[in-house]
Protein backbone atom coordinates (compact mmCIF):
# COMPACT_ATOMS: atom_id res chain seq x y z
CA UNK A 1 96.20 182.11 105.71
CA UNK A 2 94.38 180.14 103.03
CA UNK A 3 95.00 176.39 102.91
CA UNK A 4 95.73 174.77 99.55
CA UNK A 5 92.94 172.65 98.12
CA UNK A 6 93.23 168.93 98.73
CA UNK A 7 94.13 166.91 95.67
CA UNK A 8 92.26 163.61 95.48
CA UNK A 9 94.37 160.46 95.16
CA UNK A 10 93.21 160.09 91.55
CA UNK A 11 93.98 163.70 90.59
CA UNK A 12 97.06 163.01 88.46
CA UNK A 13 95.18 160.39 86.45
CA UNK A 14 92.42 162.77 85.39
CA UNK A 15 94.92 165.12 83.79
CA UNK A 16 96.25 162.37 81.52
CA UNK A 17 94.38 160.73 78.68
CA UNK A 18 95.16 157.13 79.58
CA UNK A 19 93.30 154.32 81.27
CA UNK A 20 93.93 153.91 85.00
CA UNK A 21 94.01 150.62 86.87
CA UNK A 22 93.33 151.26 90.55
CA UNK A 23 94.48 148.40 92.77
CA UNK A 24 92.97 148.37 96.26
CA UNK A 25 95.14 146.31 98.58
CA UNK A 26 94.86 145.35 102.21
CA UNK A 27 97.90 146.05 104.35
CA UNK A 28 100.51 143.32 104.03
CA UNK A 29 98.63 141.63 101.19
CA UNK A 30 99.79 143.06 97.86
CA UNK A 31 97.90 142.05 94.73
CA UNK A 32 100.22 140.75 92.05
CA UNK A 33 99.36 141.86 88.55
CA UNK A 34 99.16 139.64 85.52
CA UNK A 35 100.46 139.94 81.98
CA UNK A 36 97.51 142.11 80.97
CA UNK A 37 99.26 145.09 82.59
CA UNK A 38 102.41 144.47 80.58
CA UNK A 39 100.42 144.02 77.38
CA UNK A 40 98.76 147.41 77.80
CA UNK A 41 102.15 149.15 77.87
CA UNK A 42 101.92 152.92 78.18
CA UNK A 43 98.17 152.86 77.55
CA UNK A 44 97.48 152.14 81.22
CA UNK A 45 98.69 153.66 84.47
CA UNK A 46 98.63 151.46 87.57
CA UNK A 47 98.01 153.02 90.97
CA UNK A 48 98.24 150.87 94.10
CA UNK A 49 96.02 152.21 96.88
CA UNK A 50 96.53 150.95 100.39
CA UNK A 51 95.81 152.44 103.80
CA UNK A 52 98.73 154.87 103.49
CA UNK A 53 97.41 156.46 100.27
CA UNK A 54 93.73 156.21 101.19
CA UNK A 55 93.71 156.33 105.01
CA UNK A 56 89.99 157.07 105.36
CA UNK A 57 88.96 154.66 102.60
CA UNK A 58 87.38 157.46 100.57
CA UNK A 59 88.63 156.27 97.18
CA UNK A 60 87.69 152.67 97.96
CA UNK A 61 84.23 153.79 99.05
CA UNK A 62 83.80 155.85 95.87
CA UNK A 63 84.16 152.66 93.85
CA UNK A 64 82.10 150.62 96.34
CA UNK A 65 84.87 148.18 97.23
CA UNK A 66 84.84 146.84 100.77
CA UNK A 67 87.95 144.70 100.49
CA UNK A 68 90.78 144.05 98.08
CA UNK A 69 90.04 144.47 94.41
CA UNK A 70 90.58 146.69 91.40
CA UNK A 71 88.83 149.16 89.13
CA UNK A 72 89.72 150.05 85.55
CA UNK A 73 88.86 153.70 84.82
CA UNK A 74 88.71 154.98 81.24
CA UNK A 75 90.26 158.35 80.33
CA UNK A 76 86.79 159.95 80.47
CA UNK A 77 86.52 158.81 84.14
CA UNK A 78 83.94 156.08 83.41
CA UNK A 79 84.49 152.71 85.08
CA UNK A 80 85.27 150.24 82.30
CA UNK A 81 85.35 147.11 84.48
CA UNK A 82 86.08 146.03 88.04
CA UNK A 83 86.88 142.95 90.05
CA UNK A 84 87.07 141.66 93.59
CA UNK A 85 90.29 140.28 95.01
CA UNK A 86 92.57 138.85 92.35
CA UNK A 87 89.89 137.89 89.81
CA UNK A 88 91.21 139.60 86.68
CA UNK A 89 88.97 137.77 84.17
CA UNK A 90 87.00 140.85 83.09
CA UNK A 91 90.23 142.88 82.92
CA UNK A 92 91.73 140.31 80.54
CA UNK A 93 88.63 140.47 78.35
CA UNK A 94 88.64 144.27 78.27
CA UNK A 95 92.36 144.44 77.54
CA UNK A 96 92.06 142.00 74.65
CA UNK A 97 89.45 144.23 73.01
CA UNK A 98 90.58 147.73 73.93
CA UNK A 99 94.02 148.09 75.49
CA UNK A 100 96.33 145.81 73.56
CA UNK A 101 98.00 147.50 70.63
CA UNK A 102 96.66 146.38 67.28
CA UNK A 103 98.98 144.95 64.68
CA UNK A 104 98.83 146.62 61.29
CA UNK A 105 97.43 144.26 58.69
């Protein structure tokens, strides 16, 4: 009997054309998100990855994170920006330029 192929944790993201914010949390230490996530609206999908979703640390290793942090992945699967722990400064800068909806002038 043939086994079904494993779907990577990020599989659903790659089928959508939106930016993905991957949050890598340590057990019992959730990372709270800031207003930048709300400002992006439906232009960004947030995926919290802890030991239950990434038990072998494969996704964390792929993005070279060895502790808590986050990675913002563009729709074309290129890393737009990343941060360690709860330092969201580069995410705020990226969101201000790219993710926040523009007002019509």
